[in-house]
């Protein structure tokens, strides 16, 4: 029984270290032009918009590698969640065109939404000729896509409280399950 409490204590302390690490820097997209449109600046100051010719895989790979959480030189892996493009209206911002929407997430911490609009790959424009597709241009320069980044942060105190409450709750749930399986 004593070993279970020691293991739980070590897991708890490791979790506290993970949850209290400084947040990773909000990344910029290289090989891209930063948008100065109202929806990407003063209307939504937490979001950044970029015009780029990078592919979806290149954009997501670059953002995931820059949005990295490190401890003692070791990078803690993040997870990517893929959403339907229609969810960009509620998760990123209203009236945002989307071809893909992914979230790079650190569980119980922060995440960043990556929304990309590529009209040449969008199903709604698939039947159109290449010259009929809407153009994406910024200051007269044509681009293949527009990428919008939106961070989602959480309070460190809230993280620690939730983490701390998970342990007694898990204890009572397992105790209840053990009791219910005994009675079967």
N, C-alpha and C. Protein backbone atom coordinates (compact mmCIF):
# COMPACT_ATOMS: atom_id res chain seq x y z
N UNK A 1 0.82 -1.19 0.00
CA UNK A 1 0.00 0.00 0.00
C UNK A 1 0.86 1.26 0.00
N UNK A 2 1.99 1.19 0.71
CA UNK A 2 2.87 2.34 0.81
C UNK A 2 3.47 2.69 -0.56
N UNK A 3 3.78 1.68 -1.37
CA UNK A 3 4.37 1.92 -2.69
C UNK A 3 3.39 2.66 -3.60
N UNK A 4 2.09 2.40 -3.46
CA UNK A 4 1.08 3.09 -4.26
C UNK A 4 1.08 4.59 -3.97
N UNK A 5 1.22 4.94 -2.69
CA UNK A 5 1.25 6.36 -2.33
C UNK A 5 2.53 7.04 -2.81
N UNK A 6 3.62 6.33 -2.79
CA UNK A 6 4.88 6.88 -3.30
C UNK A 6 4.78 7.13 -4.80
N UNK A 7 4.25 6.16 -5.54
CA UNK A 7 4.07 6.32 -6.99
C UNK A 7 3.12 7.48 -7.29
N UNK A 8 2.00 7.53 -6.55
CA UNK A 8 1.05 8.63 -6.75
C UNK A 8 1.70 9.98 -6.44
N UNK A 9 2.53 10.03 -5.39
CA UNK A 9 3.23 11.27 -5.05
C UNK A 9 4.20 11.72 -6.13
N UNK A 10 4.94 10.75 -6.69
CA UNK A 10 5.88 11.08 -7.77
C UNK A 10 5.13 11.57 -9.01
N UNK A 11 4.03 10.88 -9.36
CA UNK A 11 3.22 11.30 -10.52
C UNK A 11 2.66 12.70 -10.27
N UNK A 12 2.19 12.95 -9.05
CA UNK A 12 1.65 14.26 -8.71
C UNK A 12 2.71 15.36 -8.87
N UNK A 13 3.89 15.12 -8.35
CA UNK A 13 4.97 16.12 -8.45
C UNK A 13 5.41 16.35 -9.89
N UNK A 14 5.53 15.27 -10.67
CA UNK A 14 5.87 15.43 -12.09
C UNK A 14 4.80 16.24 -12.82
N UNK A 15 3.55 15.97 -12.48
CA UNK A 15 2.45 16.73 -13.08
C UNK A 15 2.50 18.20 -12.70
N UNK A 16 2.82 18.49 -11.45
CA UNK A 16 2.96 19.89 -11.01
C UNK A 16 4.07 20.60 -11.78
N UNK A 17 5.18 19.91 -11.97
CA UNK A 17 6.29 20.51 -12.72
C UNK A 17 5.82 20.82 -14.15
N UNK A 18 5.18 19.84 -14.79
CA UNK A 18 4.66 20.01 -16.16
C UNK A 18 3.68 21.19 -16.23
N UNK A 19 2.78 21.28 -15.28
CA UNK A 19 1.73 22.31 -15.32
C UNK A 19 2.24 23.71 -15.00
N UNK A 20 3.36 23.81 -14.29
CA UNK A 20 3.87 25.14 -13.91
C UNK A 20 5.03 25.62 -14.78
N UNK A 21 5.43 24.83 -15.77
CA UNK A 21 6.47 25.29 -16.70
C UNK A 21 5.99 26.54 -17.43
N UNK A 22 6.91 27.43 -17.80
CA UNK A 22 6.51 28.61 -18.58
C UNK A 22 5.88 28.18 -19.92
N UNK A 23 4.91 28.95 -20.34
CA UNK A 23 4.23 28.66 -21.61
C UNK A 23 5.19 28.83 -22.77
N UNK A 24 5.05 28.01 -23.82
CA UNK A 24 5.90 28.20 -25.00
C UNK A 24 5.57 29.52 -25.69
N UNK A 25 6.53 30.05 -26.40
CA UNK A 25 6.34 31.31 -27.11
C UNK A 25 5.29 31.15 -28.20
N UNK A 26 4.52 32.20 -28.39
CA UNK A 26 3.51 32.24 -29.45
C UNK A 26 4.24 32.37 -30.78
N UNK A 27 4.21 31.33 -31.62
CA UNK A 27 5.08 31.30 -32.79
C UNK A 27 4.65 32.22 -33.93
N UNK A 28 5.63 32.61 -34.72
CA UNK A 28 5.40 33.31 -35.98
C UNK A 28 5.66 32.33 -37.10
N UNK A 29 5.00 32.54 -38.21
CA UNK A 29 5.17 31.69 -39.38
C UNK A 29 6.23 32.32 -40.28
N UNK A 30 7.30 31.57 -40.58
CA UNK A 30 8.34 32.10 -41.46
C UNK A 30 7.92 31.86 -42.91
N UNK A 31 8.58 32.51 -43.82
CA UNK A 31 8.26 32.44 -45.24
C UNK A 31 6.80 32.84 -45.47
N UNK A 32 6.37 33.87 -44.75
CA UNK A 32 4.99 34.33 -44.85
C UNK A 32 4.93 35.82 -44.57
N UNK A 33 3.90 36.46 -45.08
CA UNK A 33 3.67 37.89 -44.83
C UNK A 33 2.62 38.03 -43.74
N UNK A 34 2.91 38.81 -42.73
CA UNK A 34 1.97 39.03 -41.63
C UNK A 34 0.85 39.95 -42.10
N UNK A 35 -0.37 39.52 -41.88
CA UNK A 35 -1.54 40.29 -42.29
C UNK A 35 -1.72 41.51 -41.40
N UNK A 36 -2.11 42.62 -42.02
CA UNK A 36 -2.42 43.82 -41.24
C UNK A 36 -3.90 44.18 -41.39
N UNK A 37 -4.72 43.20 -41.78
CA UNK A 37 -6.15 43.43 -41.92
C UNK A 37 -6.79 43.56 -40.54
N UNK A 38 -7.91 44.28 -40.42
CA UNK A 38 -8.53 44.51 -39.11
C UNK A 38 -8.84 43.22 -38.33
N UNK A 39 -9.33 42.17 -38.99
CA UNK A 39 -9.65 40.93 -38.30
C UNK A 39 -8.44 40.21 -37.74
N UNK A 40 -7.27 40.54 -38.24
CA UNK A 40 -6.03 39.90 -37.79
C UNK A 40 -5.21 40.77 -36.86
N UNK A 41 -5.70 41.97 -36.58
CA UNK A 41 -4.92 42.88 -35.73
C UNK A 41 -5.75 43.38 -34.55
N UNK A 42 -6.26 44.60 -34.63
CA UNK A 42 -6.88 45.21 -33.46
C UNK A 42 -8.23 44.59 -33.09
N UNK A 43 -8.97 44.00 -34.05
CA UNK A 43 -10.25 43.38 -33.71
C UNK A 43 -10.07 42.09 -32.91
N UNK A 44 -9.00 41.38 -33.17
CA UNK A 44 -8.67 40.14 -32.46
C UNK A 44 -7.18 40.17 -32.14
N UNK A 45 -6.77 40.91 -31.12
CA UNK A 45 -5.33 41.08 -30.84
C UNK A 45 -4.60 39.80 -30.47
N UNK A 46 -5.32 38.76 -30.04
CA UNK A 46 -4.66 37.51 -29.69
C UNK A 46 -4.37 36.64 -30.91
N UNK A 47 -4.94 36.97 -32.05
CA UNK A 47 -4.78 36.16 -33.25
C UNK A 47 -3.78 36.80 -34.22
N UNK A 48 -3.16 35.92 -35.03
CA UNK A 48 -2.25 36.38 -36.06
C UNK A 48 -2.66 35.76 -37.39
N UNK A 49 -2.62 36.56 -38.44
CA UNK A 49 -2.92 36.06 -39.78
C UNK A 49 -1.69 36.19 -40.66
N UNK A 50 -1.50 35.20 -41.54
CA UNK A 50 -0.34 35.17 -42.43
C UNK A 50 -0.78 34.77 -43.84
N UNK A 51 -0.13 35.36 -44.82
CA UNK A 51 -0.28 34.94 -46.21
C UNK A 51 0.99 34.18 -46.58
N UNK A 52 0.81 32.99 -47.16
CA UNK A 52 1.98 32.15 -47.41
C UNK A 52 1.76 31.23 -48.61
N UNK A 53 2.86 30.70 -49.10
CA UNK A 53 2.81 29.67 -50.15
C UNK A 53 3.22 28.31 -49.60
N UNK A 54 3.33 28.20 -48.28
CA UNK A 54 3.66 26.92 -47.66
C UNK A 54 2.46 25.98 -47.72
N UNK A 55 2.73 24.69 -47.78
CA UNK A 55 1.65 23.70 -47.78
C UNK A 55 1.13 23.50 -46.35
N UNK A 56 0.03 22.80 -46.25
CA UNK A 56 -0.56 22.51 -44.94
C UNK A 56 0.44 21.77 -44.04
N UNK A 57 1.08 20.76 -44.57
CA UNK A 57 2.05 19.97 -43.78
C UNK A 57 3.22 20.85 -43.33
N UNK A 58 3.69 21.73 -44.18
CA UNK A 58 4.80 22.61 -43.81
C UNK A 58 4.39 23.60 -42.73
N UNK A 59 3.19 24.16 -42.85
CA UNK A 59 2.69 25.12 -41.86
C UNK A 59 2.55 24.44 -40.50
N UNK A 60 1.86 23.30 -40.48
CA UNK A 60 1.62 22.61 -39.21
C UNK A 60 2.92 22.09 -38.58
N UNK A 61 3.83 21.58 -39.39
CA UNK A 61 5.12 21.12 -38.88
C UNK A 61 5.92 22.25 -38.26
N UNK A 62 5.91 23.40 -38.94
CA UNK A 62 6.66 24.55 -38.44
C UNK A 62 6.06 25.09 -37.14
N UNK A 63 4.75 25.23 -37.08
CA UNK A 63 4.10 25.74 -35.88
C UNK A 63 4.27 24.77 -34.72
N UNK A 64 4.13 23.46 -34.99
CA UNK A 64 4.28 22.48 -33.91
C UNK A 64 5.70 22.46 -33.37
N UNK A 65 6.69 22.62 -34.24
CA UNK A 65 8.08 22.61 -33.76
C UNK A 65 8.41 23.89 -32.98
N UNK A 66 7.80 25.00 -33.34
CA UNK A 66 8.06 26.26 -32.63
C UNK A 66 7.25 26.38 -31.34
N UNK A 67 6.08 25.77 -31.32
CA UNK A 67 5.21 25.82 -30.14
C UNK A 67 5.54 24.62 -29.26
N UNK A 68 6.79 24.59 -28.79
CA UNK A 68 7.31 23.43 -28.07
C UNK A 68 7.53 23.76 -26.60
N UNK A 69 7.18 22.81 -25.76
CA UNK A 69 7.38 22.92 -24.32
C UNK A 69 8.58 22.07 -23.96
N UNK A 70 9.60 22.70 -23.36
CA UNK A 70 10.85 21.98 -23.05
C UNK A 70 11.15 22.04 -21.56
N UNK A 71 11.73 20.92 -21.08
CA UNK A 71 12.20 20.84 -19.71
C UNK A 71 13.55 20.14 -19.72
N UNK A 72 14.56 20.82 -19.22
CA UNK A 72 15.93 20.29 -19.19
C UNK A 72 16.40 19.84 -20.58
N UNK A 73 16.03 20.61 -21.60
CA UNK A 73 16.44 20.30 -22.96
C UNK A 73 15.64 19.21 -23.64
N UNK A 74 14.67 18.64 -22.93
CA UNK A 74 13.83 17.58 -23.50
C UNK A 74 12.50 18.20 -23.93
N UNK A 75 12.12 17.96 -25.18
CA UNK A 75 10.86 18.48 -25.68
C UNK A 75 9.72 17.55 -25.28
N UNK A 76 8.72 18.11 -24.63
CA UNK A 76 7.53 17.35 -24.26
C UNK A 76 6.64 17.30 -25.50
N UNK A 77 6.19 16.11 -25.90
CA UNK A 77 5.39 16.01 -27.13
C UNK A 77 4.03 16.67 -26.99
N UNK A 78 3.63 17.32 -28.06
CA UNK A 78 2.29 17.90 -28.13
C UNK A 78 1.42 16.98 -28.98
N UNK A 79 0.13 17.25 -28.96
CA UNK A 79 -0.81 16.45 -29.73
C UNK A 79 -1.52 17.35 -30.73
N UNK A 80 -1.91 16.75 -31.85
CA UNK A 80 -2.66 17.51 -32.85
C UNK A 80 -4.06 16.93 -32.98
N UNK A 81 -5.03 17.81 -32.89
CA UNK A 81 -6.42 17.44 -33.06
C UNK A 81 -6.92 18.06 -34.36
N UNK A 82 -7.60 17.28 -35.17
CA UNK A 82 -8.10 17.73 -36.45
C UNK A 82 -9.60 18.00 -36.30
N UNK A 83 -10.05 19.18 -36.74
CA UNK A 83 -11.45 19.55 -36.67
C UNK A 83 -12.02 19.74 -38.06
N UNK A 84 -13.34 19.68 -38.13
CA UNK A 84 -14.00 20.00 -39.41
C UNK A 84 -13.83 21.50 -39.66
N UNK A 85 -13.62 21.89 -40.92
CA UNK A 85 -13.43 23.33 -41.21
C UNK A 85 -14.60 24.20 -40.76
N UNK A 86 -15.81 23.63 -40.74
CA UNK A 86 -16.98 24.41 -40.33
C UNK A 86 -16.88 24.88 -38.88
N UNK A 87 -16.08 24.21 -38.08
CA UNK A 87 -15.95 24.58 -36.67
C UNK A 87 -15.06 25.80 -36.46
N UNK A 88 -14.43 26.29 -37.52
CA UNK A 88 -13.59 27.49 -37.39
C UNK A 88 -14.42 28.69 -36.95
N UNK A 89 -15.71 28.72 -37.32
CA UNK A 89 -16.57 29.84 -36.94
C UNK A 89 -16.69 29.96 -35.42
N UNK A 90 -16.79 28.83 -34.73
CA UNK A 90 -16.96 28.89 -33.27
C UNK A 90 -15.64 28.79 -32.51
N UNK A 91 -14.64 28.11 -33.07
CA UNK A 91 -13.39 27.91 -32.34
C UNK A 91 -12.35 29.00 -32.57
N UNK A 92 -12.35 29.60 -33.76
CA UNK A 92 -11.36 30.65 -34.05
C UNK A 92 -12.04 32.01 -34.10
N UNK A 93 -12.86 32.23 -35.13
CA UNK A 93 -13.65 33.46 -35.17
C UNK A 93 -14.71 33.36 -36.25
N UNK A 94 -15.76 34.12 -36.06
CA UNK A 94 -16.89 34.12 -36.99
C UNK A 94 -16.46 34.70 -38.34
N UNK A 95 -17.06 34.21 -39.38
CA UNK A 95 -16.82 34.68 -40.75
C UNK A 95 -15.40 34.41 -41.24
N UNK A 96 -14.80 33.33 -40.77
CA UNK A 96 -13.45 32.96 -41.18
C UNK A 96 -13.53 31.81 -42.16
N UNK A 97 -12.99 32.00 -43.35
CA UNK A 97 -12.98 30.92 -44.33
C UNK A 97 -11.95 29.88 -43.91
N UNK A 98 -12.29 28.61 -44.17
CA UNK A 98 -11.42 27.55 -43.69
C UNK A 98 -11.41 26.37 -44.65
N UNK A 99 -10.22 25.84 -44.89
CA UNK A 99 -10.04 24.58 -45.61
C UNK A 99 -9.60 23.49 -44.64
N UNK A 100 -8.81 23.88 -43.64
CA UNK A 100 -8.41 22.94 -42.58
C UNK A 100 -8.32 23.68 -41.26
N UNK A 101 -8.57 22.94 -40.18
CA UNK A 101 -8.48 23.49 -38.83
C UNK A 101 -7.90 22.42 -37.93
N UNK A 102 -6.75 22.71 -37.34
CA UNK A 102 -6.12 21.78 -36.41
C UNK A 102 -5.74 22.53 -35.14
N UNK A 103 -5.68 21.77 -34.05
CA UNK A 103 -5.29 22.34 -32.77
C UNK A 103 -4.06 21.59 -32.28
N UNK A 104 -3.02 22.32 -31.94
CA UNK A 104 -1.82 21.75 -31.34
C UNK A 104 -1.98 21.98 -29.84
N UNK A 105 -1.98 20.89 -29.08
CA UNK A 105 -2.41 20.99 -27.69
C UNK A 105 -1.43 20.32 -26.73
N UNK A 106 -1.28 20.95 -25.57
CA UNK A 106 -0.62 20.36 -24.42
C UNK A 106 -1.72 20.11 -23.40
N UNK A 107 -2.07 18.86 -23.10
CA UNK A 107 -3.20 18.57 -22.21
C UNK A 107 -3.07 19.27 -20.85
N UNK A 108 -4.19 19.78 -20.39
CA UNK A 108 -4.32 20.51 -19.13
C UNK A 108 -3.55 21.83 -19.15
N UNK A 109 -3.08 22.28 -20.31
CA UNK A 109 -2.31 23.52 -20.40
C UNK A 109 -2.89 24.40 -21.50
N UNK A 110 -2.06 24.77 -22.45
CA UNK A 110 -2.47 25.65 -23.52
C UNK A 110 -2.52 24.92 -24.86
N UNK A 111 -3.09 25.61 -25.83
CA UNK A 111 -3.13 25.06 -27.18
C UNK A 111 -3.12 26.21 -28.17
N UNK A 112 -2.95 25.87 -29.43
CA UNK A 112 -2.99 26.88 -30.49
C UNK A 112 -3.77 26.29 -31.66
N UNK A 113 -4.75 27.06 -32.14
CA UNK A 113 -5.53 26.66 -33.30
C UNK A 113 -4.83 27.17 -34.56
N UNK A 114 -4.75 26.31 -35.57
CA UNK A 114 -4.16 26.67 -36.86
C UNK A 114 -5.25 26.48 -37.91
N UNK A 115 -5.70 27.60 -38.47
CA UNK A 115 -6.73 27.57 -39.50
C UNK A 115 -6.11 27.96 -40.83
N UNK A 116 -6.34 27.17 -41.86
CA UNK A 116 -5.81 27.48 -43.18
C UNK A 116 -6.91 27.57 -44.22
N UNK A 117 -6.79 28.57 -45.07
CA UNK A 117 -7.74 28.76 -46.17
C UNK A 117 -6.96 28.65 -47.49
N UNK A 118 -7.22 27.57 -48.23
CA UNK A 118 -6.61 27.33 -49.53
C UNK A 118 -7.73 27.12 -50.54
N UNK A 119 -8.15 28.17 -51.24
CA UNK A 119 -9.30 28.03 -52.13
C UNK A 119 -9.07 27.04 -53.28
N UNK A 120 -7.84 26.84 -53.70
CA UNK A 120 -7.59 25.90 -54.81
C UNK A 120 -7.82 24.46 -54.40
N UNK A 121 -7.78 24.16 -53.08
CA UNK A 121 -8.02 22.80 -52.60
C UNK A 121 -9.40 22.63 -51.98
N UNK A 122 -10.12 23.73 -51.80
CA UNK A 122 -11.42 23.69 -51.14
C UNK A 122 -12.46 22.97 -51.99
N UNK A 123 -13.24 22.05 -51.40
CA UNK A 123 -14.25 21.29 -52.17
C UNK A 123 -15.29 22.18 -52.84
N UNK A 124 -15.62 23.31 -52.26
CA UNK A 124 -16.64 24.17 -52.87
C UNK A 124 -16.17 24.81 -54.17
N UNK A 125 -14.86 24.84 -54.40
CA UNK A 125 -14.33 25.40 -55.65
C UNK A 125 -13.72 24.34 -56.55
N UNK A 126 -13.90 23.07 -56.22
CA UNK A 126 -13.25 21.97 -56.95
C UNK A 126 -13.72 21.89 -58.41
N UNK A 127 -14.97 22.21 -58.66
CA UNK A 127 -15.51 22.08 -60.02
C UNK A 127 -15.22 23.30 -60.89
N UNK A 128 -14.66 24.32 -60.31
CA UNK A 128 -14.34 25.54 -61.07
C UNK A 128 -13.01 25.38 -61.80
N UNK A 129 -12.87 26.11 -62.85
CA UNK A 129 -11.59 26.15 -63.55
C UNK A 129 -10.57 26.89 -62.68
N UNK A 130 -9.31 26.64 -62.93
CA UNK A 130 -8.24 27.24 -62.12
C UNK A 130 -8.32 28.76 -62.11
N UNK A 131 -8.64 29.36 -63.25
CA UNK A 131 -8.68 30.82 -63.31
C UNK A 131 -9.96 31.40 -62.70
N UNK A 132 -10.93 30.54 -62.35
CA UNK A 132 -12.17 31.01 -61.72
C UNK A 132 -12.10 30.97 -60.19
N UNK A 133 -11.11 30.26 -59.64
CA UNK A 133 -10.97 30.18 -58.18
C UNK A 133 -10.66 31.56 -57.60
N UNK A 134 -11.18 31.84 -56.40
CA UNK A 134 -10.86 33.12 -55.78
C UNK A 134 -9.36 33.22 -55.48
N UNK A 135 -8.84 34.41 -55.68
CA UNK A 135 -7.42 34.64 -55.43
C UNK A 135 -7.21 35.11 -54.00
N UNK A 136 -6.08 34.71 -53.45
CA UNK A 136 -5.65 35.24 -52.16
C UNK A 136 -4.43 36.10 -52.47
N UNK A 137 -4.58 37.39 -52.20
CA UNK A 137 -3.45 38.28 -52.45
C UNK A 137 -3.35 39.28 -51.31
N UNK A 138 -2.14 39.72 -51.09
CA UNK A 138 -1.85 40.68 -50.04
C UNK A 138 -0.90 41.71 -50.61
N UNK A 139 -1.33 42.96 -50.63
CA UNK A 139 -0.56 44.06 -51.22
C UNK A 139 -0.15 43.76 -52.65
N UNK A 140 -1.08 43.14 -53.39
CA UNK A 140 -0.87 42.86 -54.81
C UNK A 140 -0.06 41.61 -55.11
N UNK A 141 0.40 40.91 -54.10
CA UNK A 141 1.19 39.69 -54.29
C UNK A 141 0.28 38.47 -54.07
N UNK A 142 0.18 37.57 -55.06
CA UNK A 142 -0.68 36.38 -54.88
C UNK A 142 -0.03 35.35 -53.95
N UNK A 143 -0.87 34.69 -53.15
CA UNK A 143 -0.42 33.64 -52.24
C UNK A 143 -1.32 32.42 -52.38
N UNK A 144 -0.80 31.27 -51.99
CA UNK A 144 -1.55 30.03 -52.08
C UNK A 144 -2.56 29.90 -50.93
N UNK A 145 -2.22 30.44 -49.75
CA UNK A 145 -3.12 30.26 -48.61
C UNK A 145 -2.99 31.40 -47.61
N UNK A 146 -4.01 31.46 -46.76
CA UNK A 146 -3.99 32.37 -45.62
C UNK A 146 -4.13 31.51 -44.37
N UNK A 147 -3.23 31.72 -43.41
CA UNK A 147 -3.21 30.94 -42.17
C UNK A 147 -3.50 31.88 -41.01
N UNK A 148 -4.41 31.44 -40.13
CA UNK A 148 -4.74 32.20 -38.93
C UNK A 148 -4.38 31.37 -37.71
N UNK A 149 -3.67 31.97 -36.76
CA UNK A 149 -3.27 31.31 -35.53
C UNK A 149 -4.01 31.93 -34.35
N UNK A 150 -4.59 31.07 -33.50
CA UNK A 150 -5.28 31.57 -32.31
C UNK A 150 -4.84 30.75 -31.10
N UNK A 151 -4.17 31.38 -30.13
CA UNK A 151 -3.77 30.65 -28.92
C UNK A 151 -4.92 30.57 -27.92
N UNK A 152 -4.91 29.51 -27.13
CA UNK A 152 -5.86 29.34 -26.03
C UNK A 152 -5.05 29.02 -24.79
N UNK A 153 -5.08 29.90 -23.82
CA UNK A 153 -4.27 29.73 -22.62
C UNK A 153 -5.15 29.44 -21.40
N UNK A 154 -4.53 28.93 -20.36
CA UNK A 154 -5.23 28.69 -19.10
C UNK A 154 -4.39 29.24 -17.95
N UNK A 155 -5.06 29.55 -16.87
CA UNK A 155 -4.42 30.09 -15.68
C UNK A 155 -3.65 28.97 -14.96
N UNK A 156 -2.44 29.27 -14.51
CA UNK A 156 -1.61 28.27 -13.82
C UNK A 156 -2.30 27.78 -12.54
N UNK A 157 -2.89 28.67 -11.80
CA UNK A 157 -3.58 28.28 -10.57
C UNK A 157 -4.73 27.31 -10.87
N UNK A 158 -5.49 27.58 -11.91
CA UNK A 158 -6.59 26.68 -12.30
C UNK A 158 -6.06 25.30 -12.68
N UNK A 159 -4.95 25.26 -13.39
CA UNK A 159 -4.34 23.98 -13.77
C UNK A 159 -3.98 23.17 -12.52
N UNK A 160 -3.33 23.83 -11.56
CA UNK A 160 -2.88 23.14 -10.35
C UNK A 160 -4.07 22.66 -9.53
N UNK A 161 -5.11 23.46 -9.42
CA UNK A 161 -6.31 23.06 -8.67
C UNK A 161 -6.95 21.83 -9.31
N UNK A 162 -7.13 21.86 -10.63
CA UNK A 162 -7.72 20.72 -11.33
C UNK A 162 -6.85 19.47 -11.15
N UNK A 163 -5.55 19.61 -11.32
CA UNK A 163 -4.62 18.48 -11.16
C UNK A 163 -4.70 17.91 -9.73
N UNK A 164 -4.74 18.79 -8.76
CA UNK A 164 -4.79 18.35 -7.36
C UNK A 164 -6.10 17.62 -7.06
N UNK A 165 -7.20 18.12 -7.58
CA UNK A 165 -8.50 17.49 -7.33
C UNK A 165 -8.67 16.16 -8.07
N UNK A 166 -7.90 15.94 -9.11
CA UNK A 166 -8.00 14.68 -9.85
C UNK A 166 -7.59 13.48 -8.99
N UNK A 167 -6.68 13.67 -8.08
CA UNK A 167 -6.17 12.54 -7.29
C UNK A 167 -7.19 12.00 -6.28
N UNK A 168 -7.82 12.84 -5.45
CA UNK A 168 -8.83 12.27 -4.56
C UNK A 168 -10.04 11.73 -5.32
N UNK A 169 -10.42 12.39 -6.41
CA UNK A 169 -11.54 11.90 -7.21
C UNK A 169 -11.22 10.53 -7.79
N UNK A 170 -10.02 10.37 -8.34
CA UNK A 170 -9.62 9.07 -8.89
C UNK A 170 -9.60 8.00 -7.79
N UNK A 171 -9.13 8.35 -6.61
CA UNK A 171 -9.10 7.41 -5.50
C UNK A 171 -10.51 6.91 -5.17
N UNK A 172 -11.45 7.83 -5.03
CA UNK A 172 -12.81 7.43 -4.67
C UNK A 172 -13.51 6.68 -5.80
N UNK A 173 -13.23 7.03 -7.05
CA UNK A 173 -13.81 6.30 -8.18
C UNK A 173 -13.30 4.86 -8.20
N UNK A 174 -12.00 4.67 -8.04
CA UNK A 174 -11.45 3.31 -8.03
C UNK A 174 -11.94 2.51 -6.83
N UNK A 175 -12.07 3.18 -5.69
CA UNK A 175 -12.58 2.52 -4.50
C UNK A 175 -14.03 2.07 -4.72
N UNK A 176 -14.82 2.91 -5.34
CA UNK A 176 -16.22 2.58 -5.63
C UNK A 176 -16.33 1.45 -6.65
N UNK A 177 -15.49 1.50 -7.68
CA UNK A 177 -15.48 0.43 -8.69
C UNK A 177 -15.08 -0.90 -8.07
N UNK A 178 -14.09 -0.86 -7.21
CA UNK A 178 -13.63 -2.08 -6.55
C UNK A 178 -14.74 -2.68 -5.70
N UNK A 179 -15.46 -1.81 -4.99
CA UNK A 179 -16.56 -2.27 -4.16
C UNK A 179 -17.70 -2.85 -5.01
N UNK A 180 -18.01 -2.18 -6.13
CA UNK A 180 -19.11 -2.66 -6.97
C UNK A 180 -18.77 -3.99 -7.66
N UNK A 181 -17.49 -4.20 -8.03
CA UNK A 181 -17.11 -5.46 -8.65
C UNK A 181 -17.05 -6.59 -7.63
N UNK A 182 -16.81 -6.26 -6.37
CA UNK A 182 -16.82 -7.26 -5.32
C UNK A 182 -18.22 -7.84 -5.10
N UNK A 183 -19.21 -6.97 -5.25
CA UNK A 183 -20.59 -7.37 -5.03
C UNK A 183 -21.21 -8.13 -6.20
N UNK A 184 -20.51 -8.23 -7.30
CA UNK A 184 -21.07 -8.90 -8.49
C UNK A 184 -20.94 -10.40 -8.38
